[in-house]
Amino acid sequence: MTTDDQDLASLRAEIDAVERSATVDLGFRAVVLAIAVFVLIVGYVLPWMGSAAGWQVLLAAGDATGKAGAVPRLFAGTALAFGILASALALALRRWTLTWIAALGGWFAAVDGLLAIWTRQSTAGLNSPGPGPGLIISEIAMVVLAALWLKTAWSRPHQPH
């Protein structure tokens, strides 16, 4: 191995070590994020459409007619994946990659939640229940989570000293 190859290998090892040790300093924002995740969980137990709670929509139990609809089910899945699971992992592990996953996935879920509310409102007159309080609360929590994660991900990473 030449000196240049050894220098390159050493530099690559140093870059890998810095990448693994780069953590996100959330500060007080961690408390707000944790509260928003909790509010999202509460939204899952409240009615989303008719008497069907968010977890029932997620499991495709649906409303009184048994038809939850694809968009509310997609929102239930993406809110669970990005709003609860990715946020919990990012809060616990404080990894830069996880903050970006929670931010971008959170915005996808937030847009999907808006569509879920809209589809519930537009079909409410057709013998199907409109959006329930759980769906509205979950959407608000998802927008808050997505905004906070995006602000966190967009900020500069803090390197250990």
C-alpha atoms as a PDB file:
ATOM      1  CA  MET A   1       0.000   0.000   0.000  1.00  0.00           C
ATOM      2  CA  THR A   2       1.369   3.402  -0.964  1.00  0.00           C
ATOM      3  CA  THR A   3       1.486   6.409   1.319  1.00  0.00           C
ATOM      4  CA  ASP A   4      -1.352   8.043  -0.626  1.00  0.00           C
ATOM      5  CA  ASP A   5      -3.530   4.947  -0.199  1.00  0.00           C
ATOM      6  CA  GLN A   6      -2.795   4.868   3.532  1.00  0.00           C
ATOM      7  CA  ASP A   7      -3.622   8.581   3.851  1.00  0.00           C
ATOM      8  CA  LEU A   8      -6.868   8.065   1.971  1.00  0.00           C
ATOM      9  CA  ALA A   9      -7.817   5.070   4.125  1.00  0.00           C
ATOM     10  CA  SER A  10      -7.002   7.035   7.258  1.00  0.00           C
ATOM     11  CA  LEU A  11      -9.077   9.995   6.071  1.00  0.00           C
ATOM     12  CA  ARG A  12     -11.994   7.700   5.198  1.00  0.00           C
ATOM     13  CA  ALA A  13     -11.861   6.107   8.658  1.00  0.00           C
ATOM     14  CA  GLU A  14     -11.847   9.556  10.285  1.00  0.00           C
ATOM     15  CA  ILE A  15     -14.835  10.691   8.192  1.00  0.00           C
ATOM     16  CA  ASP A  16     -16.746   7.513   9.086  1.00  0.00           C
ATOM     17  CA  ALA A  17     -16.045   8.054  12.797  1.00  0.00           C
ATOM     18  CA  VAL A  18     -17.291  11.657  12.674  1.00  0.00           C
ATOM     19  CA  GLU A  19     -20.385  10.583  10.764  1.00  0.00           C
ATOM     20  CA  ARG A  20     -21.242   7.938  13.367  1.00  0.00           C
ATOM     21  CA  SER A  21     -20.711  10.338  16.260  1.00  0.00           C
ATOM     22  CA  ALA A  22     -22.674  13.293  14.795  1.00  0.00           C
ATOM     23  CA  THR A  23     -25.688  13.772  17.017  1.00  0.00           C
ATOM     24  CA  VAL A  24     -28.520  16.255  17.033  1.00  0.00           C
ATOM     25  CA  ASP A  25     -28.887  18.581  19.996  1.00  0.00           C
ATOM     26  CA  LEU A  26     -32.637  19.065  20.398  1.00  0.00           C
ATOM     27  CA  GLY A  27     -32.655  21.085  23.622  1.00  0.00           C
ATOM     28  CA  PHE A  28     -36.132  22.134  24.751  1.00  0.00           C
ATOM     29  CA  ARG A  29     -37.500  21.172  21.327  1.00  0.00           C
ATOM     30  CA  ALA A  30     -37.279  17.529  22.464  1.00  0.00           C
ATOM     31  CA  VAL A  31     -40.015  18.186  25.042  1.00  0.00           C
ATOM     32  CA  VAL A  32     -42.291  19.785  22.451  1.00  0.00           C
ATOM     33  CA  LEU A  33     -41.639  16.917  20.024  1.00  0.00           C
ATOM     34  CA  ALA A  34     -42.416  14.346  22.725  1.00  0.00           C
ATOM     35  CA  ILE A  35     -45.668  16.137  23.587  1.00  0.00           C
ATOM     36  CA  ALA A  36     -46.660  16.226  19.894  1.00  0.00           C
ATOM     37  CA  VAL A  37     -45.978  12.470  19.603  1.00  0.00           C
ATOM     38  CA  PHE A  38     -48.152  11.907  22.682  1.00  0.00           C
ATOM     39  CA  VAL A  39     -50.946  14.028  21.171  1.00  0.00           C
ATOM     40  CA  LEU A  40     -50.696  11.947  17.989  1.00  0.00           C
ATOM     41  CA  ILE A  41     -51.037   8.764  20.044  1.00  0.00           C
ATOM     42  CA  VAL A  42     -54.102  10.231  21.780  1.00  0.00           C
ATOM     43  CA  GLY A  43     -55.502  11.018  18.324  1.00  0.00           C
ATOM     44  CA  TYR A  44     -55.257   7.316  17.468  1.00  0.00           C
ATOM     45  CA  VAL A  45     -57.653   6.354  20.269  1.00  0.00           C
ATOM     46  CA  LEU A  46     -60.223   9.057  19.467  1.00  0.00           C
ATOM     47  CA  PRO A  47     -62.821   8.646  16.704  1.00  0.00           C
ATOM     48  CA  TRP A  48     -61.577   9.383  13.212  1.00  0.00           C
ATOM     49  CA  MET A  49     -64.774   8.645  11.320  1.00  0.00           C
ATOM     50  CA  GLY A  50     -68.012   7.736  12.985  1.00  0.00           C
ATOM     51  CA  SER A  51     -67.167   5.560  15.958  1.00  0.00           C
ATOM     52  CA  ALA A  52     -63.983   4.111  14.401  1.00  0.00           C
ATOM     53  CA  ALA A  53     -60.810   5.197  16.183  1.00  0.00           C
ATOM     54  CA  GLY A  54     -57.540   5.837  14.371  1.00  0.00           C
ATOM     55  CA  TRP A  55     -56.096   2.440  15.265  1.00  0.00           C
ATOM     56  CA  GLN A  56     -59.220   0.792  13.834  1.00  0.00           C
ATOM     57  CA  VAL A  57     -58.788   2.742  10.602  1.00  0.00           C
ATOM     58  CA  LEU A  58     -55.153   1.615  10.535  1.00  0.00           C
ATOM     59  CA  LEU A  59     -56.231  -2.011  10.896  1.00  0.00           C
ATOM     60  CA  ALA A  60     -58.848  -1.486   8.162  1.00  0.00           C
ATOM     61  CA  ALA A  61     -61.783  -1.972  10.526  1.00  0.00           C
ATOM     62  CA  GLY A  62     -63.176   1.251   9.098  1.00  0.00           C
ATOM     63  CA  ASP A  63     -66.334   3.098   9.933  1.00  0.00           C
ATOM     64  CA  ALA A  64     -69.778   1.719  10.708  1.00  0.00           C
ATOM     65  CA  THR A  65     -70.082   0.492   7.113  1.00  0.00           C
ATOM     66  CA  GLY A  66     -66.666  -1.207   7.245  1.00  0.00           C
ATOM     67  CA  LYS A  67     -65.167   1.131   4.640  1.00  0.00           C
ATOM     68  CA  ALA A  68     -62.515   3.469   6.025  1.00  0.00           C
ATOM     69  CA  GLY A  69     -61.185   4.504   2.631  1.00  0.00           C
ATOM     70  CA  ALA A  70     -57.679   4.261   1.256  1.00  0.00           C
ATOM     71  CA  VAL A  71     -56.540   7.814   2.044  1.00  0.00           C
ATOM     72  CA  PRO A  72     -57.436   7.772   5.773  1.00  0.00           C
ATOM     73  CA  ARG A  73     -55.820   4.326   6.054  1.00  0.00           C
ATOM     74  CA  LEU A  74     -52.692   5.637   4.337  1.00  0.00           C
ATOM     75  CA  PHE A  75     -52.605   8.595   6.738  1.00  0.00           C
ATOM     76  CA  ALA A  76     -52.989   6.231   9.687  1.00  0.00           C
ATOM     77  CA  GLY A  77     -50.026   4.199   8.438  1.00  0.00           C
ATOM     78  CA  THR A  78     -47.753   7.109   7.571  1.00  0.00           C
ATOM     79  CA  ALA A  79     -48.576   8.948  10.805  1.00  0.00           C
ATOM     80  CA  LEU A  80     -47.695   5.798  12.740  1.00  0.00           C
ATOM     81  CA  ALA A  81     -44.484   5.212  10.776  1.00  0.00           C
ATOM     82  CA  PHE A  82     -43.163   8.765  10.666  1.00  0.00           C
ATOM     83  CA  GLY A  83     -45.039  10.592  13.397  1.00  0.00           C
ATOM     84  CA  ILE A  84     -44.688   8.005  16.130  1.00  0.00           C
ATOM     85  CA  LEU A  85     -41.996   5.452  15.248  1.00  0.00           C
ATOM     86  CA  ALA A  86     -39.490   7.649  13.369  1.00  0.00           C
ATOM     87  CA  SER A  87     -39.999  10.485  15.860  1.00  0.00           C
ATOM     88  CA  ALA A  88     -39.470   8.162  18.820  1.00  0.00           C
ATOM     89  CA  LEU A  89     -36.295   6.758  17.257  1.00  0.00           C
ATOM     90  CA  ALA A  90     -34.995  10.232  16.395  1.00  0.00           C
ATOM     91  CA  LEU A  91     -35.740  11.468  19.917  1.00  0.00           C
ATOM     92  CA  ALA A  92     -34.043   8.466  21.506  1.00  0.00           C
ATOM     93  CA  LEU A  93     -31.013   8.095  19.226  1.00  0.00           C
ATOM     94  CA  ARG A  94     -30.503  11.744  18.192  1.00  0.00           C
ATOM     95  CA  ARG A  95     -29.148  10.732  14.793  1.00  0.00           C
ATOM     96  CA  TRP A  96     -29.060  13.158  11.915  1.00  0.00           C
ATOM     97  CA  THR A  97     -30.442  10.689   9.391  1.00  0.00           C
ATOM     98  CA  LEU A  98     -33.447   9.948  11.575  1.00  0.00           C
ATOM     99  CA  THR A  99     -34.311  13.640  11.862  1.00  0.00           C
ATOM    100  CA  TRP A 100     -34.433  13.874   8.066  1.00  0.00           C
ATOM    101  CA  ILE A 101     -36.561  10.722   7.839  1.00  0.00           C
ATOM    102  CA  ALA A 102     -38.974  12.096  10.455  1.00  0.00           C
ATOM    103  CA  ALA A 103     -39.059  15.499   8.711  1.00  0.00           C
ATOM    104  CA  LEU A 104     -39.640  14.377   5.133  1.00  0.00           C
ATOM    105  CA  GLY A 105     -41.878  11.464   6.047  1.00  0.00           C
ATOM    106  CA  GLY A 106     -43.735  13.725   8.448  1.00  0.00           C
ATOM    107  CA  TRP A 107     -44.539  16.179   5.689  1.00  0.00           C
ATOM    108  CA  PHE A 108     -45.749  13.362   3.466  1.00  0.00           C
ATOM    109  CA  ALA A 109     -48.007  12.183   6.300  1.00  0.00           C
ATOM    110  CA  ALA A 110     -49.220  15.739   6.978  1.00  0.00           C
ATOM    111  CA  VAL A 111     -50.242  16.237   3.346  1.00  0.00           C
ATOM    112  CA  ASP A 112     -51.882  12.829   3.355  1.00  0.00           C
ATOM    113  CA  GLY A 113     -53.741  13.773   6.545  1.00  0.00           C
ATOM    114  CA  LEU A 114     -55.069  16.889   4.865  1.00  0.00           C
ATOM    115  CA  LEU A 115     -56.303  14.729   1.995  1.00  0.00           C
ATOM    116  CA  ALA A 116     -57.852  12.287   4.474  1.00  0.00           C
ATOM    117  CA  ILE A 117     -59.827  15.099   6.105  1.00  0.00           C
ATOM    118  CA  TRP A 118     -60.867  16.432   2.725  1.00  0.00           C
ATOM    119  CA  THR A 119     -62.062  13.025   1.514  1.00  0.00           C
ATOM    120  CA  ARG A 120     -64.062  12.549   4.719  1.00  0.00           C
ATOM    121  CA  GLN A 121     -65.680  15.971   4.264  1.00  0.00           C
ATOM    122  CA  SER A 122     -66.431  15.459   0.596  1.00  0.00           C
ATOM    123  CA  THR A 123     -68.033  12.035   1.149  1.00  0.00           C
ATOM    124  CA  ALA A 124     -69.798  12.849   4.433  1.00  0.00           C
ATOM    125  CA  GLY A 125     -73.058  13.561   2.629  1.00  0.00           C
ATOM    126  CA  LEU A 126     -72.962  10.174   0.919  1.00  0.00           C
ATOM    127  CA  ASN A 127     -73.921   8.060   3.946  1.00  0.00           C
ATOM    128  CA  SER A 128     -70.419   7.987   5.385  1.00  0.00           C
ATOM    129  CA  PRO A 129     -69.217   9.737   8.523  1.00  0.00           C
ATOM    130  CA  GLY A 130     -67.208  12.949   8.257  1.00  0.00           C
ATOM    131  CA  PRO A 131     -63.846  13.551   9.924  1.00  0.00           C
ATOM    132  CA  GLY A 132     -63.881  12.912  13.651  1.00  0.00           C
ATOM    133  CA  PRO A 133     -61.978  14.797  16.344  1.00  0.00           C
ATOM    134  CA  GLY A 134     -59.201  12.181  16.410  1.00  0.00           C
ATOM    135  CA  LEU A 135     -58.457  12.705  12.723  1.00  0.00           C
ATOM    136  CA  ILE A 136     -58.300  16.483  13.163  1.00  0.00           C
ATOM    137  CA  ILE A 137     -56.099  16.223  16.284  1.00  0.00           C
ATOM    138  CA  SER A 138     -53.806  13.720  14.553  1.00  0.00           C
ATOM    139  CA  GLU A 139     -53.409  16.014  11.551  1.00  0.00           C
ATOM    140  CA  ILE A 140     -52.541  19.013  13.722  1.00  0.00           C
ATOM    141  CA  ALA A 141     -50.004  16.936  15.680  1.00  0.00           C
ATOM    142  CA  MET A 142     -48.508  15.652  12.430  1.00  0.00           C
ATOM    143  CA  VAL A 143     -48.077  19.177  11.027  1.00  0.00           C
ATOM    144  CA  VAL A 144     -46.395  20.299  14.269  1.00  0.00           C
ATOM    145  CA  LEU A 145     -44.093  17.264  14.223  1.00  0.00           C
ATOM    146  CA  ALA A 146     -43.191  17.729  10.570  1.00  0.00           C
ATOM    147  CA  ALA A 147     -42.439  21.440  11.043  1.00  0.00           C
ATOM    148  CA  LEU A 148     -40.279  20.854  14.123  1.00  0.00           C
ATOM    149  CA  TRP A 149     -38.379  17.970  12.554  1.00  0.00           C
ATOM    150  CA  LEU A 150     -37.767  19.964   9.374  1.00  0.00           C
ATOM    151  CA  LYS A 151     -36.464  22.916  11.382  1.00  0.00           C
ATOM    152  CA  THR A 152     -34.204  20.533  13.303  1.00  0.00           C
ATOM    153  CA  ALA A 153     -32.972  18.683  10.222  1.00  0.00           C
ATOM    154  CA  TRP A 154     -32.300  21.910   8.357  1.00  0.00           C
ATOM    155  CA  SER A 155     -30.146  23.298  11.162  1.00  0.00           C
ATOM    156  CA  ARG A 156     -26.450  22.573  11.303  1.00  0.00           C
ATOM    157  CA  PRO A 157     -25.357  19.358  13.041  1.00  0.00           C
ATOM    158  CA  HIS A 158     -23.463  19.709  16.307  1.00  0.00           C
ATOM    159  CA  GLN A 159     -20.141  17.943  16.236  1.00  0.00           C
ATOM    160  CA  PRO A 160     -18.732  16.455  19.428  1.00  0.00           C
ATOM    161  CA  HIS A 161     -15.687  18.213  20.819  1.00  0.00           C
END
